């Protein structure tokens, strides 16, 4: 995968939006809540970060090239040093799961409005 593939995939989720934050990070959100962050350029050692379950977080950070995400690890976010740390299928599954986790935490009224 690469930046554009991740971008297109994230934007394929219902009501997903993107915007540039913190200088050079492309942030993907559902109803204003982040579910993935792509580093577009700069000195970061990471290219992508996303939310996962507590169990998946513990499993993923045991792998080379995947670390607890700076500033957000306590919320079970992981950061990838490169896109090829996992297969495309695995990475897409994690991105979808991240979106679903964030969507599920939205207030009932907001979820109903989004459909």
Protein backbone atom coordinates (compact mmCIF):
# COMPACT_ATOMS: atom_id res chain seq x y z
CA UNK A 1 0.00 0.00 0.00
CA UNK A 2 0.97 3.64 -0.32
CA UNK A 3 -0.42 7.01 0.72
CA UNK A 4 -2.90 7.28 -2.15
CA UNK A 5 -4.19 3.71 -1.72
CA UNK A 6 -4.77 4.28 2.00
CA UNK A 7 -6.42 7.64 1.27
CA UNK A 8 -8.85 6.20 -1.29
CA UNK A 9 -9.68 3.26 0.97
CA UNK A 10 -10.36 5.43 4.04
CA UNK A 11 -12.56 7.80 2.04
CA UNK A 12 -14.61 4.84 0.79
CA UNK A 13 -16.12 4.44 4.29
CA UNK A 14 -19.54 6.06 4.82
CA UNK A 15 -19.30 9.70 5.97
CA UNK A 16 -15.49 9.60 6.19
CA UNK A 17 -13.75 12.95 5.78
CA UNK A 18 -10.15 14.06 5.47
CA UNK A 19 -8.24 17.19 6.37
CA UNK A 20 -4.63 18.23 6.88
CA UNK A 21 -3.71 18.87 10.52
CA UNK A 22 -0.54 19.48 12.49
CA UNK A 23 1.33 20.62 9.41
CA UNK A 24 1.70 17.56 7.20
CA UNK A 25 -0.65 14.92 8.60
CA UNK A 26 -3.70 13.80 6.63
CA UNK A 27 -6.34 12.96 9.23
CA UNK A 28 -9.35 10.77 8.47
CA UNK A 29 -12.45 11.25 10.60
CA UNK A 30 -16.02 10.10 11.09
CA UNK A 31 -18.25 12.80 12.62
CA UNK A 32 -15.19 14.78 13.69
CA UNK A 33 -13.50 11.83 15.44
CA UNK A 34 -10.18 10.53 14.11
CA UNK A 35 -9.81 6.94 12.94
CA UNK A 36 -6.53 7.13 10.95
CA UNK A 37 -3.62 9.51 10.39
CA UNK A 38 -1.29 9.49 7.37
CA UNK A 39 2.03 11.33 7.56
CA UNK A 40 2.44 13.05 4.20
CA UNK A 41 6.03 14.27 4.57
CA UNK A 42 8.50 15.40 7.16
CA UNK A 43 10.79 13.97 9.76
CA UNK A 44 8.41 11.46 11.33
CA UNK A 45 9.58 7.85 11.60
CA UNK A 46 5.99 6.71 11.02
CA UNK A 47 3.79 6.71 7.93
CA UNK A 48 0.41 5.71 9.37
CA UNK A 49 -1.35 5.39 12.69
CA UNK A 50 -4.75 3.99 13.60
CA UNK A 51 -6.94 2.85 16.48
CA UNK A 52 -7.37 -0.81 17.41
CA UNK A 53 -8.76 -2.97 20.20
CA UNK A 54 -6.78 -3.45 23.38
CA UNK A 55 -6.02 -7.07 22.42
CA UNK A 56 -4.93 -6.19 18.87
CA UNK A 57 -2.82 -3.32 20.23
CA UNK A 58 -0.88 -5.74 22.46
CA UNK A 59 -0.42 -8.15 19.56
CA UNK A 60 0.66 -5.53 17.00
CA UNK A 61 3.27 -3.73 19.11
CA UNK A 62 5.15 -7.03 19.44
CA UNK A 63 5.91 -6.89 15.71
CA UNK A 64 8.92 -5.13 14.23
CA UNK A 65 7.97 -1.86 12.57
CA UNK A 66 4.83 -1.28 14.66
CA UNK A 67 4.98 0.86 17.80
CA UNK A 68 2.56 2.42 20.25
CA UNK A 69 1.53 5.68 18.58
CA UNK A 70 3.07 8.81 20.11
CA UNK A 71 0.54 10.83 22.15
CA UNK A 72 -2.31 8.36 21.61
CA UNK A 73 -1.06 4.91 22.65
CA UNK A 74 -3.17 5.06 25.81
CA UNK A 75 -6.21 5.00 23.52
CA UNK A 76 -4.84 1.88 21.77
CA UNK A 77 -3.43 3.60 18.70
CA UNK A 78 -0.51 2.01 16.84
CA UNK A 79 1.97 3.59 14.43
CA UNK A 80 3.51 1.89 11.40
CA UNK A 81 7.07 2.61 10.30
CA UNK A 82 6.25 1.51 6.74
CA UNK A 83 3.24 0.34 4.76
CA UNK A 84 4.77 -3.08 4.09
CA UNK A 85 4.96 -4.13 7.75
CA UNK A 86 1.67 -5.98 7.14
CA UNK A 87 -0.02 -7.30 4.01
CA UNK A 88 -2.47 -5.03 2.19
CA UNK A 89 -5.35 -7.25 3.32
CA UNK A 90 -4.31 -7.02 6.98
CA UNK A 91 -3.80 -3.27 6.80
CA UNK A 92 -7.18 -2.72 5.15
CA UNK A 93 -8.79 -4.85 7.84
CA UNK A 94 -7.17 -2.74 10.57
CA UNK A 95 -8.26 0.50 8.89
CA UNK A 96 -11.85 -0.72 8.64
CA UNK A 97 -11.78 -1.91 12.24
CA UNK A 98 -10.44 1.47 13.36
CA UNK A 99 -13.30 3.21 11.56
CA UNK A 100 -15.84 0.82 13.11
CA UNK A 101 -14.42 1.29 16.63
CA UNK A 102 -14.69 5.07 16.37
CA UNK A 103 -18.17 4.91 14.80
CA UNK A 104 -19.43 2.65 17.62
CA UNK A 105 -18.35 5.21 20.25
CA UNK A 106 -20.40 8.00 18.66
CA UNK A 107 -23.55 9.10 20.50
CA UNK A 108 -26.70 7.18 19.47
CA UNK A 109 -28.38 10.31 18.13
CA UNK A 110 -25.40 11.10 15.89
CA UNK A 111 -25.17 7.51 14.63
CA UNK A 112 -28.88 7.65 13.77
CA UNK A 113 -28.36 10.90 11.82
CA UNK A 114 -25.51 9.31 9.86
CA UNK A 115 -27.60 6.25 9.10
